[in-house]
């Protein structure tokens, strides 16, 4: 699994003009599921996101996690994160999971985050969505459950 994780002061996602998910401050997570991914990848990535110390403490240093600051998590499925753009001009998506597998792991990932007791919001799987955010910092990380980068 791969994620683009952005620290936000607010974020929301709309489908067909209606807001389906919104958080005040915390993480916006754009999530891609690979065809080789399984529940262990979801668990590893959820743990990393929940415990990544990228929120500021009293001295302005990134020493707090989203759990520490009681932030929210807005998770949006985005299969294009799995794209291979290394050659040619058209992205390849052979590394992306099939929709059924991806949706199952996306739902599992959301359930794991919900165990934290934090506010967890999401987009709608396979829908065309409009994501709005205010990146706080800006702070953005690229994460991979297999630690490829």
C-alpha atoms as a PDB file:
ATOM      1  CA  UNK A   1       0.000   0.000   0.000  1.00  0.00           C
ATOM      2  CA  UNK A   2       1.138   3.502  -0.721  1.00  0.00           C
ATOM      3  CA  UNK A   3      -0.026   6.755   0.753  1.00  0.00           C
ATOM      4  CA  UNK A   4       0.450  10.444   0.254  1.00  0.00           C
ATOM      5  CA  UNK A   5      -0.034  11.859   3.746  1.00  0.00           C
ATOM      6  CA  UNK A   6      -0.580  15.587   4.188  1.00  0.00           C
ATOM      7  CA  UNK A   7      -0.814  17.427   7.488  1.00  0.00           C
ATOM      8  CA  UNK A   8      -3.861  19.645   7.150  1.00  0.00           C
ATOM      9  CA  UNK A   9      -5.617  22.344   9.121  1.00  0.00           C
ATOM     10  CA  UNK A  10      -8.785  21.228   7.324  1.00  0.00           C
ATOM     11  CA  UNK A  11      -9.782  18.898   4.496  1.00  0.00           C
ATOM     12  CA  UNK A  12     -12.953  17.663   2.862  1.00  0.00           C
ATOM     13  CA  UNK A  13     -14.097  15.458   0.024  1.00  0.00           C
ATOM     14  CA  UNK A  14     -17.215  15.939  -2.108  1.00  0.00           C
ATOM     15  CA  UNK A  15     -19.050  13.536  -4.396  1.00  0.00           C
ATOM     16  CA  UNK A  16     -21.664  14.931  -6.788  1.00  0.00           C
ATOM     17  CA  UNK A  17     -21.566  18.286  -5.010  1.00  0.00           C
ATOM     18  CA  UNK A  18     -22.225  16.848  -1.542  1.00  0.00           C
ATOM     19  CA  UNK A  19     -19.658  16.653   1.244  1.00  0.00           C
ATOM     20  CA  UNK A  20     -19.097  12.999   2.207  1.00  0.00           C
ATOM     21  CA  UNK A  21     -16.130  13.459   4.538  1.00  0.00           C
ATOM     22  CA  UNK A  22     -14.529  16.309   6.451  1.00  0.00           C
ATOM     23  CA  UNK A  23     -11.957  16.860   9.195  1.00  0.00           C
ATOM     24  CA  UNK A  24     -10.684  19.956  10.964  1.00  0.00           C
ATOM     25  CA  UNK A  25      -6.970  19.256  11.561  1.00  0.00           C
ATOM     26  CA  UNK A  26      -4.973  16.064  11.148  1.00  0.00           C
ATOM     27  CA  UNK A  27      -3.964  13.878   8.216  1.00  0.00           C
ATOM     28  CA  UNK A  28      -5.357  13.744   4.707  1.00  0.00           C
ATOM     29  CA  UNK A  29      -4.404  10.290   3.425  1.00  0.00           C
ATOM     30  CA  UNK A  30      -4.541   9.532  -0.306  1.00  0.00           C
ATOM     31  CA  UNK A  31      -4.364   5.724  -0.369  1.00  0.00           C
ATOM     32  CA  UNK A  32      -3.362   3.357  -3.154  1.00  0.00           C
ATOM     33  CA  UNK A  33      -3.640  -0.430  -2.887  1.00  0.00           C
ATOM     34  CA  UNK A  34      -1.282  -2.720  -4.792  1.00  0.00           C
ATOM     35  CA  UNK A  35      -2.098  -6.133  -6.218  1.00  0.00           C
ATOM     36  CA  UNK A  36       0.365  -7.846  -3.846  1.00  0.00           C
ATOM     37  CA  UNK A  37      -0.985  -6.082  -0.732  1.00  0.00           C
ATOM     38  CA  UNK A  38      -2.743  -7.819   2.128  1.00  0.00           C
ATOM     39  CA  UNK A  39      -4.044  -7.112   5.629  1.00  0.00           C
ATOM     40  CA  UNK A  40      -0.499  -6.915   7.014  1.00  0.00           C
ATOM     41  CA  UNK A  41       0.233  -3.996   4.674  1.00  0.00           C
ATOM     42  CA  UNK A  42      -2.869  -2.183   5.905  1.00  0.00           C
ATOM     43  CA  UNK A  43      -1.826  -2.765   9.531  1.00  0.00           C
ATOM     44  CA  UNK A  44       1.746  -1.585   8.949  1.00  0.00           C
ATOM     45  CA  UNK A  45       0.643   1.568   7.137  1.00  0.00           C
ATOM     46  CA  UNK A  46      -2.115   2.405   9.631  1.00  0.00           C
ATOM     47  CA  UNK A  47       0.360   2.077  12.505  1.00  0.00           C
ATOM     48  CA  UNK A  48       2.885   4.284  10.718  1.00  0.00           C
ATOM     49  CA  UNK A  49       0.314   7.005   9.991  1.00  0.00           C
ATOM     50  CA  UNK A  50      -1.124   6.984  13.511  1.00  0.00           C
ATOM     51  CA  UNK A  51       2.295   7.200  15.153  1.00  0.00           C
ATOM     52  CA  UNK A  52       4.261   9.368  12.718  1.00  0.00           C
ATOM     53  CA  UNK A  53       5.518  12.312  14.767  1.00  0.00           C
ATOM     54  CA  UNK A  54       4.948  15.258  12.445  1.00  0.00           C
ATOM     55  CA  UNK A  55       2.782  17.557  14.557  1.00  0.00           C
ATOM     56  CA  UNK A  56       4.399  20.349  16.510  1.00  0.00           C
ATOM     57  CA  UNK A  57       4.999  20.372  20.249  1.00  0.00           C
ATOM     58  CA  UNK A  58       5.273  23.482  22.463  1.00  0.00           C
ATOM     59  CA  UNK A  59       8.758  24.218  21.071  1.00  0.00           C
ATOM     60  CA  UNK A  60       7.575  24.051  17.464  1.00  0.00           C
ATOM     61  CA  UNK A  61       9.348  20.726  16.809  1.00  0.00           C
ATOM     62  CA  UNK A  62       7.667  17.815  15.044  1.00  0.00           C
ATOM     63  CA  UNK A  63       7.393  15.552  18.106  1.00  0.00           C
ATOM     64  CA  UNK A  64       3.697  14.662  18.266  1.00  0.00           C
ATOM     65  CA  UNK A  65       1.610  12.123  16.412  1.00  0.00           C
ATOM     66  CA  UNK A  66      -1.956  12.561  15.198  1.00  0.00           C
ATOM     67  CA  UNK A  67      -2.968  10.458  18.222  1.00  0.00           C
ATOM     68  CA  UNK A  68      -1.122  12.843  20.566  1.00  0.00           C
ATOM     69  CA  UNK A  69      -2.876  15.909  19.126  1.00  0.00           C
ATOM     70  CA  UNK A  70      -6.246  14.096  18.798  1.00  0.00           C
ATOM     71  CA  UNK A  71      -6.419  15.038  15.111  1.00  0.00           C
ATOM     72  CA  UNK A  72      -8.684  13.636  12.454  1.00  0.00           C
ATOM     73  CA  UNK A  73      -7.992  11.368   9.490  1.00  0.00           C
ATOM     74  CA  UNK A  74      -9.584  11.801   6.076  1.00  0.00           C
ATOM     75  CA  UNK A  75      -8.808   8.818   3.843  1.00  0.00           C
ATOM     76  CA  UNK A  76      -9.444   8.977   0.097  1.00  0.00           C
ATOM     77  CA  UNK A  77      -8.866   5.989  -2.185  1.00  0.00           C
ATOM     78  CA  UNK A  78      -6.659   6.879  -5.126  1.00  0.00           C
ATOM     79  CA  UNK A  79      -5.485   4.031  -7.349  1.00  0.00           C
ATOM     80  CA  UNK A  80      -3.349   6.407  -9.434  1.00  0.00           C
ATOM     81  CA  UNK A  81      -0.798   6.419  -6.598  1.00  0.00           C
ATOM     82  CA  UNK A  82       0.114   2.914  -7.786  1.00  0.00           C
ATOM     83  CA  UNK A  83       0.857   4.175 -11.332  1.00  0.00           C
ATOM     84  CA  UNK A  84       4.164   3.413 -13.027  1.00  0.00           C
ATOM     85  CA  UNK A  85       5.274   6.503 -14.951  1.00  0.00           C
ATOM     86  CA  UNK A  86       8.896   5.486 -15.537  1.00  0.00           C
ATOM     87  CA  UNK A  87       8.601   4.910 -19.265  1.00  0.00           C
ATOM     88  CA  UNK A  88       6.467   6.222 -22.062  1.00  0.00           C
ATOM     89  CA  UNK A  89       3.904   8.966 -21.693  1.00  0.00           C
ATOM     90  CA  UNK A  90       0.943   7.022 -20.389  1.00  0.00           C
ATOM     91  CA  UNK A  91       0.875   5.782 -16.787  1.00  0.00           C
ATOM     92  CA  UNK A  92       0.686   2.027 -16.298  1.00  0.00           C
ATOM     93  CA  UNK A  93      -1.580   0.589 -13.608  1.00  0.00           C
ATOM     94  CA  UNK A  94      -0.556  -3.079 -13.576  1.00  0.00           C
ATOM     95  CA  UNK A  95       0.658  -2.738  -9.954  1.00  0.00           C
ATOM     96  CA  UNK A  96      -2.759  -1.567  -8.717  1.00  0.00           C
ATOM     97  CA  UNK A  97      -5.043  -4.096  -7.043  1.00  0.00           C
ATOM     98  CA  UNK A  98      -8.276  -5.108  -8.747  1.00  0.00           C
ATOM     99  CA  UNK A  99     -11.229  -3.028  -7.484  1.00  0.00           C
ATOM    100  CA  UNK A 100     -12.744  -5.755  -5.274  1.00  0.00           C
ATOM    101  CA  UNK A 101      -9.459  -6.469  -3.473  1.00  0.00           C
ATOM    102  CA  UNK A 102      -8.644  -2.775  -3.204  1.00  0.00           C
ATOM    103  CA  UNK A 103     -12.025  -1.943  -1.683  1.00  0.00           C
ATOM    104  CA  UNK A 104     -11.695  -4.739   0.872  1.00  0.00           C
ATOM    105  CA  UNK A 105      -8.240  -3.518   1.970  1.00  0.00           C
ATOM    106  CA  UNK A 106      -9.347   0.128   1.920  1.00  0.00           C
ATOM    107  CA  UNK A 107     -12.229  -0.745   4.265  1.00  0.00           C
ATOM    108  CA  UNK A 108      -9.884  -2.769   6.477  1.00  0.00           C
ATOM    109  CA  UNK A 109      -7.471   0.170   6.632  1.00  0.00           C
ATOM    110  CA  UNK A 110     -10.318   2.503   7.684  1.00  0.00           C
ATOM    111  CA  UNK A 111     -11.382   0.042  10.389  1.00  0.00           C
ATOM    112  CA  UNK A 112      -7.827  -0.140  11.750  1.00  0.00           C
ATOM    113  CA  UNK A 113      -7.617   3.658  11.949  1.00  0.00           C
ATOM    114  CA  UNK A 114     -11.019   3.785  13.690  1.00  0.00           C
ATOM    115  CA  UNK A 115      -9.640   1.591  16.489  1.00  0.00           C
ATOM    116  CA  UNK A 116      -7.546   4.609  17.535  1.00  0.00           C
ATOM    117  CA  UNK A 117     -10.690   6.405  18.689  1.00  0.00           C
ATOM    118  CA  UNK A 118      -9.877   9.372  16.453  1.00  0.00           C
ATOM    119  CA  UNK A 119     -12.308  10.902  13.994  1.00  0.00           C
ATOM    120  CA  UNK A 120     -11.989   8.980  10.713  1.00  0.00           C
ATOM    121  CA  UNK A 121     -13.714  10.253   7.575  1.00  0.00           C
ATOM    122  CA  UNK A 122     -13.475   8.922   4.042  1.00  0.00           C
ATOM    123  CA  UNK A 123     -14.333   9.433   0.438  1.00  0.00           C
ATOM    124  CA  UNK A 124     -16.447   7.035  -1.623  1.00  0.00           C
ATOM    125  CA  UNK A 125     -14.557   4.149  -3.181  1.00  0.00           C
ATOM    126  CA  UNK A 126     -14.393   4.360  -7.014  1.00  0.00           C
ATOM    127  CA  UNK A 127     -16.314   7.635  -7.103  1.00  0.00           C
ATOM    128  CA  UNK A 128     -15.162  10.778  -8.852  1.00  0.00           C
ATOM    129  CA  UNK A 129     -14.297  13.042  -5.935  1.00  0.00           C
ATOM    130  CA  UNK A 130     -13.233  16.609  -5.347  1.00  0.00           C
ATOM    131  CA  UNK A 131     -10.748  16.901  -2.498  1.00  0.00           C
ATOM    132  CA  UNK A 132     -10.152  20.239  -0.838  1.00  0.00           C
ATOM    133  CA  UNK A 133      -7.418  20.802   1.728  1.00  0.00           C
ATOM    134  CA  UNK A 134      -5.276  23.342   3.482  1.00  0.00           C
ATOM    135  CA  UNK A 135      -1.833  21.762   3.815  1.00  0.00           C
ATOM    136  CA  UNK A 136      -0.423  22.844   7.176  1.00  0.00           C
ATOM    137  CA  UNK A 137       3.278  23.608   6.917  1.00  0.00           C
ATOM    138  CA  UNK A 138       3.230  22.425   4.172  1.00  0.00           C
ATOM    139  CA  UNK A 139       3.987  18.928   5.464  1.00  0.00           C
ATOM    140  CA  UNK A 140       3.644  16.009   3.038  1.00  0.00           C
ATOM    141  CA  UNK A 141       5.064  12.476   3.222  1.00  0.00           C
ATOM    142  CA  UNK A 142       5.128   9.541   0.813  1.00  0.00           C
ATOM    143  CA  UNK A 143       4.739   6.215   2.619  1.00  0.00           C
ATOM    144  CA  UNK A 144       4.899   2.636   1.404  1.00  0.00           C
ATOM    145  CA  UNK A 145       3.860  -0.374   3.513  1.00  0.00           C
ATOM    146  CA  UNK A 146       6.798  -2.354   2.116  1.00  0.00           C
ATOM    147  CA  UNK A 147       9.256   0.457   2.870  1.00  0.00           C
ATOM    148  CA  UNK A 148      10.235   0.828  -0.788  1.00  0.00           C
ATOM    149  CA  UNK A 149      10.847   4.534  -0.170  1.00  0.00           C
END
